[in-house]
Amino acid sequence: MIKSVDSCLTCENLVDSLKCSKHNLSVEIDNVCSDHSIKKAFSKLSDCLSCSNYKKVGCPNPGSSAPGMLCFSWSTY
């Protein structure tokens, strides 16, 4: 059976290039720590269309953003 876990990918401390902003170190997609703080709005429906930065100056990846894409800087409305 497949299970979801609270890995660094779902943590609000994850920033560009798989870097943990809280611990200031690079992480792997399967890492987890006791300071994990889940992105409450992060889900399989989280993509550029539901990101508050989509097509705005604040988008960190304006050349790559598109419907269906997800990046580590995704943020909710």
C-alpha atoms as a PDB file:
ATOM      1  CA  MET A   1       0.000   0.000   0.000  1.00  0.00           C
ATOM      2  CA  ILE A   2       1.236   3.503  -0.810  1.00  0.00           C
ATOM      3  CA  LYS A   3       1.279   5.996   2.062  1.00  0.00           C
ATOM      4  CA  SER A   4       1.916   9.712   2.222  1.00  0.00           C
ATOM      5  CA  VAL A   5       4.425  10.990   4.744  1.00  0.00           C
ATOM      6  CA  ASP A   6       5.371  14.432   5.929  1.00  0.00           C
ATOM      7  CA  SER A   7       8.660  14.716   4.075  1.00  0.00           C
ATOM      8  CA  CYS A   8      10.600  17.893   3.421  1.00  0.00           C
ATOM      9  CA  LEU A   9       8.637  18.314   0.174  1.00  0.00           C
ATOM     10  CA  THR A  10       5.517  19.203   2.157  1.00  0.00           C
ATOM     11  CA  CYS A  11       7.290  21.466   4.651  1.00  0.00           C
ATOM     12  CA  GLU A  12       6.787  25.227   4.607  1.00  0.00           C
ATOM     13  CA  ASN A  13      10.507  25.680   5.354  1.00  0.00           C
ATOM     14  CA  LEU A  14      11.510  24.234   1.971  1.00  0.00           C
ATOM     15  CA  VAL A  15      12.722  26.838  -0.512  1.00  0.00           C
ATOM     16  CA  ASP A  16      14.347  26.786  -3.962  1.00  0.00           C
ATOM     17  CA  SER A  17      16.863  24.081  -4.788  1.00  0.00           C
ATOM     18  CA  LEU A  18      15.691  21.740  -2.002  1.00  0.00           C
ATOM     19  CA  LYS A  19      17.078  23.962   0.741  1.00  0.00           C
ATOM     20  CA  CYS A  20      15.660  24.072   4.260  1.00  0.00           C
ATOM     21  CA  SER A  21      15.308  27.711   5.299  1.00  0.00           C
ATOM     22  CA  LYS A  22      15.030  26.799   8.988  1.00  0.00           C
ATOM     23  CA  HIS A  23      18.175  24.654   9.204  1.00  0.00           C
ATOM     24  CA  ASN A  24      20.034  26.318   6.315  1.00  0.00           C
ATOM     25  CA  LEU A  25      21.025  23.065   4.606  1.00  0.00           C
ATOM     26  CA  SER A  26      20.201  21.062   1.516  1.00  0.00           C
ATOM     27  CA  VAL A  27      17.741  18.187   1.876  1.00  0.00           C
ATOM     28  CA  GLU A  28      16.669  15.190  -0.168  1.00  0.00           C
ATOM     29  CA  ILE A  29      13.078  14.531  -1.226  1.00  0.00           C
ATOM     30  CA  ASP A  30      12.683  11.729   1.328  1.00  0.00           C
ATOM     31  CA  ASN A  31      14.142  13.603   4.321  1.00  0.00           C
ATOM     32  CA  VAL A  32      12.051  14.378   7.367  1.00  0.00           C
ATOM     33  CA  CYS A  33      12.841  16.129  10.648  1.00  0.00           C
ATOM     34  CA  SER A  34      11.218  16.847  14.004  1.00  0.00           C
ATOM     35  CA  ASP A  35      10.784  20.534  13.066  1.00  0.00           C
ATOM     36  CA  HIS A  36       8.592  19.673  10.078  1.00  0.00           C
ATOM     37  CA  SER A  37       5.841  22.239   9.525  1.00  0.00           C
ATOM     38  CA  ILE A  38       3.406  21.128   6.829  1.00  0.00           C
ATOM     39  CA  LYS A  39       2.211  23.446   4.097  1.00  0.00           C
ATOM     40  CA  LYS A  40      -1.464  23.204   4.962  1.00  0.00           C
ATOM     41  CA  ALA A  41      -2.644  24.172   1.481  1.00  0.00           C
ATOM     42  CA  PHE A  42      -0.143  21.965  -0.387  1.00  0.00           C
ATOM     43  CA  SER A  43      -1.858  19.121  -2.257  1.00  0.00           C
ATOM     44  CA  LYS A  44      -1.904  17.321  -5.591  1.00  0.00           C
ATOM     45  CA  LEU A  45      -3.967  20.271  -6.876  1.00  0.00           C
ATOM     46  CA  SER A  46      -1.217  22.758  -5.996  1.00  0.00           C
ATOM     47  CA  ASP A  47       0.219  24.094  -9.255  1.00  0.00           C
ATOM     48  CA  CYS A  48       0.944  27.401 -10.970  1.00  0.00           C
ATOM     49  CA  LEU A  49      -2.759  28.112 -11.527  1.00  0.00           C
ATOM     50  CA  SER A  50      -3.419  28.040  -7.782  1.00  0.00           C
ATOM     51  CA  CYS A  51      -0.247  29.915  -6.793  1.00  0.00           C
ATOM     52  CA  SER A  52      -0.492  33.490  -5.546  1.00  0.00           C
ATOM     53  CA  ASN A  53       2.647  34.388  -7.533  1.00  0.00           C
ATOM     54  CA  TYR A  54       1.447  33.059 -10.915  1.00  0.00           C
ATOM     55  CA  LYS A  55       2.094  35.595 -13.695  1.00  0.00           C
ATOM     56  CA  LYS A  56       3.134  38.215 -11.153  1.00  0.00           C
ATOM     57  CA  VAL A  57       6.430  39.972 -10.500  1.00  0.00           C
ATOM     58  CA  GLY A  58       6.925  37.843  -7.374  1.00  0.00           C
ATOM     59  CA  CYS A  59       7.089  34.581  -9.357  1.00  0.00           C
ATOM     60  CA  PRO A  60      10.598  33.131  -8.881  1.00  0.00           C
ATOM     61  CA  ASN A  61      10.391  31.118 -12.137  1.00  0.00           C
ATOM     62  CA  PRO A  62       8.462  33.242 -14.653  1.00  0.00           C
ATOM     63  CA  GLY A  63      10.025  31.501 -17.666  1.00  0.00           C
ATOM     64  CA  SER A  64       8.972  28.054 -16.469  1.00  0.00           C
ATOM     65  CA  SER A  65       5.617  28.658 -14.812  1.00  0.00           C
ATOM     66  CA  ALA A  66       2.616  27.090 -16.527  1.00  0.00           C
ATOM     67  CA  PRO A  67      -0.630  25.308 -15.676  1.00  0.00           C
ATOM     68  CA  GLY A  68       0.126  21.902 -14.169  1.00  0.00           C
ATOM     69  CA  MET A  69       3.617  22.881 -13.012  1.00  0.00           C
ATOM     70  CA  LEU A  70       4.617  22.893  -9.339  1.00  0.00           C
ATOM     71  CA  CYS A  71       7.733  24.414  -7.807  1.00  0.00           C
ATOM     72  CA  PHE A  72       9.155  24.708  -4.316  1.00  0.00           C
ATOM     73  CA  SER A  73       8.109  28.358  -4.098  1.00  0.00           C
ATOM     74  CA  TRP A  74       4.407  27.624  -4.562  1.00  0.00           C
ATOM     75  CA  SER A  75       2.225  29.648  -2.198  1.00  0.00           C
ATOM     76  CA  THR A  76      -1.471  29.733  -1.531  1.00  0.00           C
ATOM     77  CA  TYR A  77      -3.834  32.655  -2.127  1.00  0.00           C
END
